[in-house]
Amino acid sequence: MVRFRASNASGNFRLGNEPDTYLEMAFRKNFMAQPLQENDIDAFAKLMLVYFIPGIDNNEYPTTTTIREAYAGMRGLWKEYPEAQIWAGNRYYENIDIHVNDTFLREMSGFGAGIEDILIGEKVMFAAAWLGGNVSEVNSQGIAYTNDYHFNKNSLDLRLYNIATSAGILDLSCTLSDFSGNTLYAENSADDTVIG
């Protein structure tokens, strides 16, 4: 099967014609199912596994098994804000996408830690997180894919969300990021222009 792509389009579309196989399996354990009572502390853990087979027209394909999320959290630790939740680990965080194009407008996933659902006023929430880069795929032998260039990302993400407006709900985000690692140079550049 050939993946559909519109004329002059740079991306593919999710129109039921993707020739690959992609499976996500998420498991979450909440240790206290009922609503929190005074002085209760709840803990949870989440694990998401991904299995991927690329769309190739023979049986010589490399399968990929990935742990996409593995994190834990707690709520009820802060008496003034009992629903505030601390977390740490590897997770999808604030992934905002156009699903049919498989394009992310905002994608903060990675290893990190943070606190979220701090109530400000009656409904507005606040969240803060530190997130770093990660290796998100391994090959069929369990080895991380590598290339010639390695970058490290550290981000501080601050959000105000659940802000009611006349047009709907508004979320505001501010992210400060630091990238470090190898230096890349533009190919065939006379002045060795740094591109990353």
C-alpha atoms as a PDB file:
ATOM      1  CA  MET A   1       0.000   0.000   0.000  1.00  0.00           C
ATOM      2  CA  VAL A   2       1.288   3.470  -0.870  1.00  0.00           C
ATOM      3  CA  ARG A   3       0.747   6.288   1.601  1.00  0.00           C
ATOM      4  CA  PHE A   4      -1.469   9.047   0.189  1.00  0.00           C
ATOM      5  CA  ARG A   5       0.107  12.477  -0.134  1.00  0.00           C
ATOM      6  CA  ALA A   6      -1.569  15.488  -1.710  1.00  0.00           C
ATOM      7  CA  SER A   7       0.230  17.284  -4.548  1.00  0.00           C
ATOM      8  CA  ASN A   8       2.947  19.642  -3.284  1.00  0.00           C
ATOM      9  CA  ALA A   9       2.208  18.707   0.350  1.00  0.00           C
ATOM     10  CA  SER A  10       5.213  18.353   2.644  1.00  0.00           C
ATOM     11  CA  GLY A  11       3.444  16.002   5.048  1.00  0.00           C
ATOM     12  CA  ASN A  12       1.281  12.925   4.969  1.00  0.00           C
ATOM     13  CA  PHE A  13      -2.323  12.718   6.033  1.00  0.00           C
ATOM     14  CA  ARG A  14      -4.031  10.303   8.391  1.00  0.00           C
ATOM     15  CA  LEU A  15      -6.838   9.242   6.077  1.00  0.00           C
ATOM     16  CA  GLY A  16      -6.916   5.535   6.817  1.00  0.00           C
ATOM     17  CA  ASN A  17      -4.164   4.906   4.292  1.00  0.00           C
ATOM     18  CA  GLU A  18      -1.103   4.711   6.525  1.00  0.00           C
ATOM     19  CA  PRO A  19       0.731   1.520   5.543  1.00  0.00           C
ATOM     20  CA  ASP A  20       2.384   1.023   8.932  1.00  0.00           C
ATOM     21  CA  THR A  21       1.156  -0.516  12.181  1.00  0.00           C
ATOM     22  CA  TYR A  22       1.248   1.555  15.359  1.00  0.00           C
ATOM     23  CA  LEU A  23      -0.039   0.393  18.745  1.00  0.00           C
ATOM     24  CA  GLU A  24      -0.065   2.266  22.064  1.00  0.00           C
ATOM     25  CA  MET A  25      -0.886   0.438  25.296  1.00  0.00           C
ATOM     26  CA  ALA A  26      -1.293   2.579  28.433  1.00  0.00           C
ATOM     27  CA  PHE A  27      -1.553   1.261  31.973  1.00  0.00           C
ATOM     28  CA  ARG A  28      -2.336   3.492  34.963  1.00  0.00           C
ATOM     29  CA  LYS A  29      -2.735   2.552  38.606  1.00  0.00           C
ATOM     30  CA  ASN A  30      -4.418   4.928  41.053  1.00  0.00           C
ATOM     31  CA  PHE A  31      -3.868   3.799  44.616  1.00  0.00           C
ATOM     32  CA  MET A  32      -6.908   5.711  45.943  1.00  0.00           C
ATOM     33  CA  ALA A  33      -9.935   5.651  43.630  1.00  0.00           C
ATOM     34  CA  GLN A  34     -12.384   7.727  45.679  1.00  0.00           C
ATOM     35  CA  PRO A  35     -12.223  11.553  45.908  1.00  0.00           C
ATOM     36  CA  LEU A  36      -9.615  12.795  48.351  1.00  0.00           C
ATOM     37  CA  GLN A  37     -10.788  13.339  51.904  1.00  0.00           C
ATOM     38  CA  GLU A  38      -9.027  15.667  54.343  1.00  0.00           C
ATOM     39  CA  ASN A  39      -5.387  14.643  54.899  1.00  0.00           C
ATOM     40  CA  ASP A  40      -5.609  11.881  52.248  1.00  0.00           C
ATOM     41  CA  ILE A  41      -2.642  11.361  49.948  1.00  0.00           C
ATOM     42  CA  ASP A  42      -3.105   9.643  46.589  1.00  0.00           C
ATOM     43  CA  ALA A  43      -0.356   8.190  44.425  1.00  0.00           C
ATOM     44  CA  PHE A  44      -0.444   6.924  40.851  1.00  0.00           C
ATOM     45  CA  ALA A  45       1.871   5.386  38.272  1.00  0.00           C
ATOM     46  CA  LYS A  46       1.509   5.267  34.492  1.00  0.00           C
ATOM     47  CA  LEU A  47       3.279   3.195  31.831  1.00  0.00           C
ATOM     48  CA  MET A  48       2.706   3.457  28.075  1.00  0.00           C
ATOM     49  CA  LEU A  49       4.250   0.983  25.639  1.00  0.00           C
ATOM     50  CA  VAL A  50       4.389   1.514  21.877  1.00  0.00           C
ATOM     51  CA  TYR A  51       4.869  -1.118  19.184  1.00  0.00           C
ATOM     52  CA  PHE A  52       5.592   0.069  15.644  1.00  0.00           C
ATOM     53  CA  ILE A  53       5.999  -1.770  12.327  1.00  0.00           C
ATOM     54  CA  PRO A  54       6.878   0.520   9.411  1.00  0.00           C
ATOM     55  CA  GLY A  55       4.978   0.093   6.155  1.00  0.00           C
ATOM     56  CA  ILE A  56       7.374  -1.892   4.012  1.00  0.00           C
ATOM     57  CA  ASP A  57       6.309  -4.299   1.258  1.00  0.00           C
ATOM     58  CA  ASN A  58       8.376  -7.246   2.513  1.00  0.00           C
ATOM     59  CA  ASN A  59       9.063  -9.132   5.747  1.00  0.00           C
ATOM     60  CA  GLU A  60      12.480  -7.544   6.297  1.00  0.00           C
ATOM     61  CA  TYR A  61      11.197  -4.737   8.504  1.00  0.00           C
ATOM     62  CA  PRO A  62      12.706  -3.499  11.746  1.00  0.00           C
ATOM     63  CA  THR A  63      10.093  -3.413  14.479  1.00  0.00           C
ATOM     64  CA  THR A  64      10.336  -0.807  17.198  1.00  0.00           C
ATOM     65  CA  THR A  65       9.290  -1.230  20.804  1.00  0.00           C
ATOM     66  CA  THR A  66       9.304   1.905  22.912  1.00  0.00           C
ATOM     67  CA  ILE A  67       8.393   2.980  26.409  1.00  0.00           C
ATOM     68  CA  ARG A  68       6.727   6.320  25.656  1.00  0.00           C
ATOM     69  CA  GLU A  69       5.569   7.122  29.177  1.00  0.00           C
ATOM     70  CA  ALA A  70       6.782   5.920  32.568  1.00  0.00           C
ATOM     71  CA  TYR A  71       6.036   8.330  35.374  1.00  0.00           C
ATOM     72  CA  ALA A  72       4.518   8.557  38.827  1.00  0.00           C
ATOM     73  CA  GLY A  73       2.838  11.258  40.839  1.00  0.00           C
ATOM     74  CA  MET A  74       1.096  12.172  44.061  1.00  0.00           C
ATOM     75  CA  ARG A  75      -1.636  14.566  45.145  1.00  0.00           C
ATOM     76  CA  GLY A  76      -2.833  15.631  48.555  1.00  0.00           C
ATOM     77  CA  LEU A  77       0.635  16.611  49.775  1.00  0.00           C
ATOM     78  CA  TRP A  78      -0.124  20.361  49.871  1.00  0.00           C
ATOM     79  CA  LYS A  79      -2.958  21.033  52.329  1.00  0.00           C
ATOM     80  CA  GLU A  80      -3.888  24.418  50.835  1.00  0.00           C
ATOM     81  CA  TYR A  81      -4.164  22.846  47.345  1.00  0.00           C
ATOM     82  CA  PRO A  82      -5.173  19.195  47.857  1.00  0.00           C
ATOM     83  CA  GLU A  83      -5.800  18.542  44.134  1.00  0.00           C
ATOM     84  CA  ALA A  84      -2.336  19.837  43.154  1.00  0.00           C
ATOM     85  CA  GLN A  85      -0.336  16.983  41.702  1.00  0.00           C
ATOM     86  CA  ILE A  86       3.432  16.476  41.631  1.00  0.00           C
ATOM     87  CA  TRP A  87       4.916  14.101  39.048  1.00  0.00           C
ATOM     88  CA  ALA A  88       8.279  12.828  37.848  1.00  0.00           C
ATOM     89  CA  GLY A  89       9.392  10.588  35.000  1.00  0.00           C
ATOM     90  CA  ASN A  90       9.029  10.366  31.226  1.00  0.00           C
ATOM     91  CA  ARG A  91       5.685  11.527  29.826  1.00  0.00           C
ATOM     92  CA  TYR A  92       3.727  13.170  27.074  1.00  0.00           C
ATOM     93  CA  TYR A  93       3.354  16.715  28.328  1.00  0.00           C
ATOM     94  CA  GLU A  94       1.200  19.404  26.728  1.00  0.00           C
ATOM     95  CA  ASN A  95       1.062  17.734  23.329  1.00  0.00           C
ATOM     96  CA  ILE A  96      -1.143  19.895  21.098  1.00  0.00           C
ATOM     97  CA  ASP A  97      -1.456  18.570  17.569  1.00  0.00           C
ATOM     98  CA  ILE A  98      -3.389  18.644  14.335  1.00  0.00           C
ATOM     99  CA  HIS A  99      -4.075  14.935  14.310  1.00  0.00           C
ATOM    100  CA  VAL A 100      -4.983  14.457  10.645  1.00  0.00           C
ATOM    101  CA  ASN A 101      -1.600  15.952   9.657  1.00  0.00           C
ATOM    102  CA  ASP A 102       0.360  14.285  12.468  1.00  0.00           C
ATOM    103  CA  THR A 103       1.799  17.728  13.208  1.00  0.00           C
ATOM    104  CA  PHE A 104       2.472  19.043  16.714  1.00  0.00           C
ATOM    105  CA  LEU A 105       1.953  22.735  17.387  1.00  0.00           C
ATOM    106  CA  ARG A 106       3.311  22.281  20.894  1.00  0.00           C
ATOM    107  CA  GLU A 107       5.104  19.169  22.048  1.00  0.00           C
ATOM    108  CA  MET A 108       6.926  19.232  25.378  1.00  0.00           C
ATOM    109  CA  SER A 109       7.367  15.499  25.972  1.00  0.00           C
ATOM    110  CA  GLY A 110      10.438  14.136  27.710  1.00  0.00           C
ATOM    111  CA  PHE A 111      11.985  13.283  31.062  1.00  0.00           C
ATOM    112  CA  GLY A 112      11.250  15.688  33.856  1.00  0.00           C
ATOM    113  CA  ALA A 113       9.272  16.637  36.923  1.00  0.00           C
ATOM    114  CA  GLY A 114       6.649  19.191  37.790  1.00  0.00           C
ATOM    115  CA  ILE A 115       3.571  20.262  39.648  1.00  0.00           C
ATOM    116  CA  GLU A 116       0.153  20.912  38.107  1.00  0.00           C
ATOM    117  CA  ASP A 117      -3.469  21.711  38.950  1.00  0.00           C
ATOM    118  CA  ILE A 118      -2.645  24.416  41.485  1.00  0.00           C
ATOM    119  CA  LEU A 119      -5.909  26.322  41.839  1.00  0.00           C
ATOM    120  CA  ILE A 120      -5.642  30.110  41.516  1.00  0.00           C
ATOM    121  CA  GLY A 121      -8.928  31.804  42.331  1.00  0.00           C
ATOM    122  CA  GLU A 122     -12.038  29.763  41.607  1.00  0.00           C
ATOM    123  CA  LYS A 123     -11.152  27.952  38.369  1.00  0.00           C
ATOM    124  CA  VAL A 124      -7.800  29.051  36.921  1.00  0.00           C
ATOM    125  CA  MET A 125      -5.006  26.484  37.265  1.00  0.00           C
ATOM    126  CA  PHE A 126      -1.214  26.829  37.304  1.00  0.00           C
ATOM    127  CA  ALA A 127       1.456  24.289  36.343  1.00  0.00           C
ATOM    128  CA  ALA A 128       5.259  24.350  36.299  1.00  0.00           C
ATOM    129  CA  ALA A 129       7.561  21.670  34.905  1.00  0.00           C
ATOM    130  CA  TRP A 130      11.184  21.011  34.009  1.00  0.00           C
ATOM    131  CA  LEU A 131      11.581  18.771  30.958  1.00  0.00           C
ATOM    132  CA  GLY A 132      14.675  17.369  29.289  1.00  0.00           C
ATOM    133  CA  GLY A 133      15.341  15.545  26.049  1.00  0.00           C
ATOM    134  CA  ASN A 134      15.080  11.794  25.726  1.00  0.00           C
ATOM    135  CA  VAL A 135      15.670   8.813  23.477  1.00  0.00           C
ATOM    136  CA  SER A 136      12.206   7.782  22.357  1.00  0.00           C
ATOM    137  CA  GLU A 137      12.946   4.761  20.154  1.00  0.00           C
ATOM    138  CA  VAL A 138      14.983   1.592  20.233  1.00  0.00           C
ATOM    139  CA  ASN A 139      15.505  -0.854  17.389  1.00  0.00           C
ATOM    140  CA  SER A 140      14.456  -4.508  17.338  1.00  0.00           C
ATOM    141  CA  GLN A 141      17.609  -5.458  19.284  1.00  0.00           C
ATOM    142  CA  GLY A 142      16.741  -2.999  22.068  1.00  0.00           C
ATOM    143  CA  ILE A 143      19.478  -0.508  21.113  1.00  0.00           C
ATOM    144  CA  ALA A 144      18.776   3.226  20.931  1.00  0.00           C
ATOM    145  CA  TYR A 145      18.898   4.738  17.465  1.00  0.00           C
ATOM    146  CA  THR A 146      21.899   7.038  17.114  1.00  0.00           C
ATOM    147  CA  ASN A 147      23.215   9.511  14.587  1.00  0.00           C
ATOM    148  CA  ASP A 148      26.251  11.749  14.238  1.00  0.00           C
ATOM    149  CA  TYR A 149      24.726  14.604  16.204  1.00  0.00           C
ATOM    150  CA  HIS A 150      23.515  14.620  19.792  1.00  0.00           C
ATOM    151  CA  PHE A 151      21.648  17.476  21.449  1.00  0.00           C
ATOM    152  CA  ASN A 152      20.501  18.019  24.995  1.00  0.00           C
ATOM    153  CA  LYS A 153      17.373  20.044  25.739  1.00  0.00           C
ATOM    154  CA  ASN A 154      16.335  21.523  29.067  1.00  0.00           C
ATOM    155  CA  SER A 155      13.062  23.417  29.309  1.00  0.00           C
ATOM    156  CA  LEU A 156      11.210  25.229  32.066  1.00  0.00           C
ATOM    157  CA  ASP A 157       7.515  25.279  31.195  1.00  0.00           C
ATOM    158  CA  LEU A 158       4.997  27.514  32.978  1.00  0.00           C
ATOM    159  CA  ARG A 159       1.251  27.401  32.257  1.00  0.00           C
ATOM    160  CA  LEU A 160      -1.950  29.133  33.299  1.00  0.00           C
ATOM    161  CA  TYR A 161      -4.971  27.206  32.079  1.00  0.00           C
ATOM    162  CA  ASN A 162      -8.713  26.795  32.399  1.00  0.00           C
ATOM    163  CA  ILE A 163      -9.201  30.565  32.019  1.00  0.00           C
ATOM    164  CA  ALA A 164     -12.847  31.233  31.117  1.00  0.00           C
ATOM    165  CA  THR A 165     -13.445  33.776  28.322  1.00  0.00           C
ATOM    166  CA  SER A 166     -16.489  34.692  26.257  1.00  0.00           C
ATOM    167  CA  ALA A 167     -15.075  32.623  23.369  1.00  0.00           C
ATOM    168  CA  GLY A 168     -14.244  29.525  25.420  1.00  0.00           C
ATOM    169  CA  ILE A 169     -11.377  28.337  27.623  1.00  0.00           C
ATOM    170  CA  LEU A 170      -7.952  29.996  27.315  1.00  0.00           C
ATOM    171  CA  ASP A 171      -4.584  28.435  28.148  1.00  0.00           C
ATOM    172  CA  LEU A 172      -1.369  30.498  28.369  1.00  0.00           C
ATOM    173  CA  SER A 173       2.092  28.919  28.174  1.00  0.00           C
ATOM    174  CA  CYS A 174       5.631  30.233  28.558  1.00  0.00           C
ATOM    175  CA  THR A 175       8.630  27.982  27.908  1.00  0.00           C
ATOM    176  CA  LEU A 176      12.293  28.816  28.471  1.00  0.00           C
ATOM    177  CA  SER A 177      14.616  26.327  26.747  1.00  0.00           C
ATOM    178  CA  ASP A 178      18.340  25.718  26.620  1.00  0.00           C
ATOM    179  CA  PHE A 179      19.894  23.530  23.909  1.00  0.00           C
ATOM    180  CA  SER A 180      23.444  22.255  24.072  1.00  0.00           C
ATOM    181  CA  GLY A 181      25.458  19.566  22.352  1.00  0.00           C
ATOM    182  CA  ASN A 182      27.190  19.234  18.998  1.00  0.00           C
ATOM    183  CA  THR A 183      27.407  22.146  16.566  1.00  0.00           C
ATOM    184  CA  LEU A 184      26.009  21.626  13.080  1.00  0.00           C
ATOM    185  CA  TYR A 185      27.189  23.592  10.071  1.00  0.00           C
ATOM    186  CA  ALA A 186      25.279  24.265   6.871  1.00  0.00           C
ATOM    187  CA  GLU A 187      26.519  22.053   4.052  1.00  0.00           C
ATOM    188  CA  ASN A 188      28.400  23.763   1.193  1.00  0.00           C
ATOM    189  CA  SER A 189      28.513  26.979   3.209  1.00  0.00           C
ATOM    190  CA  ALA A 190      31.501  29.194   2.454  1.00  0.00           C
ATOM    191  CA  ASP A 191      31.332  30.861   5.861  1.00  0.00           C
ATOM    192  CA  ASP A 192      30.475  27.707   7.879  1.00  0.00           C
ATOM    193  CA  THR A 193      27.136  29.127   8.981  1.00  0.00           C
ATOM    194  CA  VAL A 194      26.045  27.503  12.231  1.00  0.00           C
ATOM    195  CA  ILE A 195      22.555  26.013  11.860  1.00  0.00           C
ATOM    196  CA  GLY A 196      22.153  24.369  15.256  1.00  0.00           C
END
